[in-house]
Amino acid sequence: MNRLVLSAQVLERGAIRYTPAGLPALDVVLTSDNKVTQNGQPRKVSLQMRAVGIGDITPALQRLSLGQSAEFAGFLAPSRNGKGIVFHVTEVVPGEASTQPA
């Protein structure tokens, strides 16, 4: 199963574009700083990830403020140029706006 759920903040947001099929698409960059446990040991993980919403999810992504936390769910796919991966967001649950500058 290819499913990713990530608690993150919106770091960057592009302009709405349209796919060849005419669907709206919105590119965003997400950032996440979390503490996790690996092999019984605490670990801090910081990352930035390219993400895209296509179709019905684009208005929800567009409403998020820069720096706003949310829970994003979707799947991973190769990028259009074949270098790296992109998180395709299919669900978003907004959280509170961050008090830290974006």
Protein backbone atom coordinates (compact mmCIF):
# COMPACT_ATOMS: atom_id res chain seq x y z
CA MET A 1 0.00 0.00 0.00
CA ASN A 2 1.30 3.46 -0.90
CA ARG A 3 -0.17 5.81 1.73
CA LEU A 4 1.50 8.64 3.61
CA VAL A 5 0.12 10.71 6.49
CA LEU A 6 2.24 13.68 7.52
CA SER A 7 1.77 16.44 10.09
CA ALA A 8 3.44 19.46 8.52
CA GLN A 9 3.28 23.17 7.80
CA VAL A 10 2.93 24.92 4.45
CA LEU A 11 6.31 26.50 3.65
CA GLU A 12 5.68 27.58 0.04
CA ARG A 13 2.68 27.62 -2.25
CA GLY A 14 2.70 28.04 -6.04
CA ALA A 15 0.01 29.42 -8.32
CA ILE A 16 -2.88 27.28 -9.51
CA ARG A 17 -2.05 25.55 -12.78
CA TYR A 18 -3.99 23.08 -14.89
CA THR A 19 -3.11 19.55 -15.97
CA PRO A 20 -3.41 18.53 -19.65
CA ALA A 21 -6.75 16.96 -18.63
CA GLY A 22 -7.94 20.38 -17.39
CA LEU A 23 -7.80 19.59 -13.66
CA PRO A 24 -6.58 22.30 -11.27
CA ALA A 25 -3.23 21.54 -9.61
CA LEU A 26 -1.43 23.33 -6.79
CA ASP A 27 2.23 22.76 -5.92
CA VAL A 28 3.30 23.29 -2.31
CA VAL A 29 6.37 22.68 -0.19
CA LEU A 30 5.71 21.18 3.23
CA THR A 31 8.02 21.32 6.22
CA SER A 32 7.91 19.07 9.24
CA ASP A 33 9.92 19.03 12.49
CA ASN A 34 8.99 16.07 14.68
CA LYS A 35 10.36 13.86 17.39
CA VAL A 36 10.01 10.16 16.72
CA THR A 37 11.20 6.97 18.36
CA GLN A 38 13.47 4.68 16.38
CA ASN A 39 14.73 1.46 17.89
CA GLY A 40 13.65 2.69 21.31
CA GLN A 41 15.64 5.92 21.00
CA PRO A 42 14.26 9.44 20.50
CA ARG A 43 15.19 11.13 17.24
CA LYS A 44 14.44 14.57 15.81
CA VAL A 45 13.43 14.52 12.15
CA SER A 46 13.27 17.71 10.09
CA LEU A 47 12.31 17.62 6.43
CA GLN A 48 10.97 19.58 3.51
CA MET A 49 8.88 17.80 0.91
CA ARG A 50 7.46 18.78 -2.46
CA ALA A 51 3.74 18.08 -2.66
CA VAL A 52 0.90 18.59 -5.11
CA GLY A 53 -2.86 18.60 -4.89
CA ILE A 54 -4.80 17.82 -8.07
CA GLY A 55 -8.52 18.23 -8.60
CA ASP A 56 -11.00 18.68 -5.76
CA ILE A 57 -8.31 19.04 -3.04
CA THR A 58 -6.82 22.24 -4.52
CA PRO A 59 -9.26 24.69 -2.81
CA ALA A 60 -8.47 23.18 0.61
CA LEU A 61 -4.72 23.55 -0.03
CA GLN A 62 -5.20 27.08 -1.32
CA ARG A 63 -7.02 28.11 1.89
CA LEU A 64 -4.07 27.11 4.10
CA SER A 65 -1.92 30.02 5.26
CA LEU A 66 1.85 29.86 4.95
CA GLY A 67 3.13 28.41 8.24
CA GLN A 68 -0.21 26.79 9.03
CA SER A 69 -0.08 23.27 10.43
CA ALA A 70 -2.23 20.54 8.99
CA GLU A 71 -2.40 16.79 8.63
CA PHE A 72 -1.85 15.77 5.01
CA ALA A 73 -2.66 12.34 3.59
CA GLY A 74 -2.03 10.91 0.16
CA PHE A 75 0.51 8.86 -1.77
CA LEU A 76 4.05 9.12 -3.15
CA ALA A 77 4.78 9.13 -6.88
CA PRO A 78 7.78 9.92 -9.10
CA SER A 79 8.16 13.56 -10.07
CA ARG A 80 7.32 14.58 -13.63
CA ASN A 81 11.00 14.78 -14.58
CA GLY A 82 11.72 11.39 -13.00
CA LYS A 83 14.10 12.83 -10.38
CA GLY A 84 12.85 12.34 -6.85
CA ILE A 85 9.37 11.86 -5.48
CA VAL A 86 6.32 14.05 -4.95
CA PHE A 87 3.71 13.69 -2.23
CA HIS A 88 0.28 13.72 -3.92
CA VAL A 89 -2.09 15.13 -1.30
CA THR A 90 -5.60 13.69 -1.39
CA GLU A 91 -6.81 14.77 2.06
CA VAL A 92 -6.02 17.70 4.35
CA VAL A 93 -7.18 18.46 7.88
CA PRO A 94 -6.20 22.05 8.80
CA GLY A 95 -4.73 22.84 12.19
CA GLU A 96 -3.99 26.12 13.91
CA ALA A 97 -1.88 28.79 12.23
CA SER A 98 1.71 28.75 13.44
CA THR A 99 2.86 31.52 15.76
CA GLN A 100 6.35 31.31 14.25
CA PRO A 101 7.13 33.25 11.09
CA ALA A 102 7.00 31.22 7.89
